[in-house]
C-alpha atoms as a PDB file:
ATOM      1  CA  UNK A   1      -6.664  -2.026  19.885  1.00  0.00           C
ATOM      2  CA  UNK A   2      -5.289  -2.832  16.469  1.00  0.00           C
ATOM      3  CA  UNK A   3      -2.688  -5.538  15.992  1.00  0.00           C
ATOM      4  CA  UNK A   4      -0.331  -2.878  14.604  1.00  0.00           C
ATOM      5  CA  UNK A   5      -0.645  -0.948  17.894  1.00  0.00           C
ATOM      6  CA  UNK A   6       0.348  -4.009  19.907  1.00  0.00           C
ATOM      7  CA  UNK A   7       3.197  -4.709  17.485  1.00  0.00           C
ATOM      8  CA  UNK A   8       4.853  -1.433  18.549  1.00  0.00           C
ATOM      9  CA  UNK A   9       5.329  -2.894  22.027  1.00  0.00           C
ATOM     10  CA  UNK A  10       6.156  -6.399  20.826  1.00  0.00           C
ATOM     11  CA  UNK A  11       8.806  -5.250  18.330  1.00  0.00           C
ATOM     12  CA  UNK A  12      10.514  -3.090  20.953  1.00  0.00           C
ATOM     13  CA  UNK A  13      10.397  -5.711  23.709  1.00  0.00           C
ATOM     14  CA  UNK A  14      11.743  -8.475  21.484  1.00  0.00           C
ATOM     15  CA  UNK A  15      14.348  -6.228  19.840  1.00  0.00           C
ATOM     16  CA  UNK A  16      17.850  -5.316  20.885  1.00  0.00           C
ATOM     17  CA  UNK A  17      16.602  -2.655  23.324  1.00  0.00           C
ATOM     18  CA  UNK A  18      14.130  -4.935  25.067  1.00  0.00           C
ATOM     19  CA  UNK A  19      13.794  -8.354  26.583  1.00  0.00           C
ATOM     20  CA  UNK A  20      13.016 -11.522  24.702  1.00  0.00           C
ATOM     21  CA  UNK A  21      11.259 -13.607  27.357  1.00  0.00           C
ATOM     22  CA  UNK A  22       8.667 -13.084  30.057  1.00  0.00           C
ATOM     23  CA  UNK A  23      10.823 -14.340  32.994  1.00  0.00           C
ATOM     24  CA  UNK A  24      13.229 -11.444  32.381  1.00  0.00           C
ATOM     25  CA  UNK A  25      10.462  -8.841  32.792  1.00  0.00           C
ATOM     26  CA  UNK A  26       9.319  -7.363  36.095  1.00  0.00           C
ATOM     27  CA  UNK A  27       5.554  -7.496  36.513  1.00  0.00           C
ATOM     28  CA  UNK A  28       3.712  -4.272  35.830  1.00  0.00           C
ATOM     29  CA  UNK A  29       1.574  -2.616  33.180  1.00  0.00           C
ATOM     30  CA  UNK A  30       1.926  -0.857  29.856  1.00  0.00           C
ATOM     31  CA  UNK A  31       0.401   2.498  28.932  1.00  0.00           C
ATOM     32  CA  UNK A  32       0.217   3.656  25.310  1.00  0.00           C
ATOM     33  CA  UNK A  33      -1.776   5.748  22.857  1.00  0.00           C
ATOM     34  CA  UNK A  34      -2.480   5.629  19.124  1.00  0.00           C
ATOM     35  CA  UNK A  35      -4.887   7.221  16.670  1.00  0.00           C
ATOM     36  CA  UNK A  36      -7.078   4.100  16.811  1.00  0.00           C
ATOM     37  CA  UNK A  37      -7.245   4.166  20.605  1.00  0.00           C
ATOM     38  CA  UNK A  38      -8.053   7.885  20.660  1.00  0.00           C
ATOM     39  CA  UNK A  39     -11.032   7.230  18.378  1.00  0.00           C
ATOM     40  CA  UNK A  40     -12.397   4.223  20.258  1.00  0.00           C
ATOM     41  CA  UNK A  41     -11.259   4.101  23.912  1.00  0.00           C
ATOM     42  CA  UNK A  42     -11.431   6.421  26.903  1.00  0.00           C
ATOM     43  CA  UNK A  43      -8.320   7.377  28.871  1.00  0.00           C
ATOM     44  CA  UNK A  44      -7.352   4.633  31.328  1.00  0.00           C
ATOM     45  CA  UNK A  45      -9.271   1.856  29.550  1.00  0.00           C
ATOM     46  CA  UNK A  46      -7.797  -1.639  29.333  1.00  0.00           C
ATOM     47  CA  UNK A  47      -7.133  -2.069  25.608  1.00  0.00           C
ATOM     48  CA  UNK A  48      -5.147  -5.303  25.343  1.00  0.00           C
ATOM     49  CA  UNK A  49      -2.218  -7.289  26.625  1.00  0.00           C
ATOM     50  CA  UNK A  50       1.289  -8.448  25.814  1.00  0.00           C
ATOM     51  CA  UNK A  51       2.628 -11.706  27.291  1.00  0.00           C
ATOM     52  CA  UNK A  52      -0.027 -11.504  29.994  1.00  0.00           C
ATOM     53  CA  UNK A  53       0.809  -7.895  30.907  1.00  0.00           C
ATOM     54  CA  UNK A  54      -2.130  -5.481  30.572  1.00  0.00           C
ATOM     55  CA  UNK A  55      -2.023  -2.487  28.219  1.00  0.00           C
ATOM     56  CA  UNK A  56      -3.998   0.640  29.134  1.00  0.00           C
ATOM     57  CA  UNK A  57      -4.672   3.762  27.100  1.00  0.00           C
ATOM     58  CA  UNK A  58      -2.924   6.908  28.347  1.00  0.00           C
ATOM     59  CA  UNK A  59      -4.130   9.945  26.393  1.00  0.00           C
ATOM     60  CA  UNK A  60      -1.187  12.126  27.414  1.00  0.00           C
ATOM     61  CA  UNK A  61       1.259  10.013  25.377  1.00  0.00           C
ATOM     62  CA  UNK A  62       2.146  10.732  21.746  1.00  0.00           C
ATOM     63  CA  UNK A  63       0.790   8.211  19.228  1.00  0.00           C
ATOM     64  CA  UNK A  64       2.915   5.057  19.091  1.00  0.00           C
ATOM     65  CA  UNK A  65       4.745   5.763  22.345  1.00  0.00           C
ATOM     66  CA  UNK A  66       4.433   3.360  25.262  1.00  0.00           C
ATOM     67  CA  UNK A  67       5.561   3.379  28.878  1.00  0.00           C
ATOM     68  CA  UNK A  68       6.036   0.323  31.086  1.00  0.00           C
ATOM     69  CA  UNK A  69       5.644   0.725  34.857  1.00  0.00           C
ATOM     70  CA  UNK A  70       6.202  -1.773  37.652  1.00  0.00           C
ATOM     71  CA  UNK A  71       3.548  -2.378  40.308  1.00  0.00           C
ATOM     72  CA  UNK A  72       5.092   0.337  42.515  1.00  0.00           C
ATOM     73  CA  UNK A  73       4.599   2.962  39.776  1.00  0.00           C
ATOM     74  CA  UNK A  74       8.254   3.234  38.729  1.00  0.00           C
ATOM     75  CA  UNK A  75       8.925   3.747  35.013  1.00  0.00           C
ATOM     76  CA  UNK A  76      10.925   0.751  33.786  1.00  0.00           C
ATOM     77  CA  UNK A  77      10.942   1.179  30.007  1.00  0.00           C
ATOM     78  CA  UNK A  78       9.738   3.526  27.290  1.00  0.00           C
ATOM     79  CA  UNK A  79      10.288   3.895  23.556  1.00  0.00           C
ATOM     80  CA  UNK A  80      10.165   7.708  23.727  1.00  0.00           C
END
């Protein structure tokens, strides 16, 4: 995972639409895709993390789009 891929999540989470600190976030996991991930990682692979939250590749997403799910599988946040 490239730093620029992770920055998509970080910029959104720290911006006006997101949350600035970890205590404000429910625990869960991120799913995202990018051109770099498509070339180097299989669908479902752990590709990185953000503030201790794992990021997995999800091939069905458009490049640069992420989804954040809680542990129960409910969609909490997306930049789509």
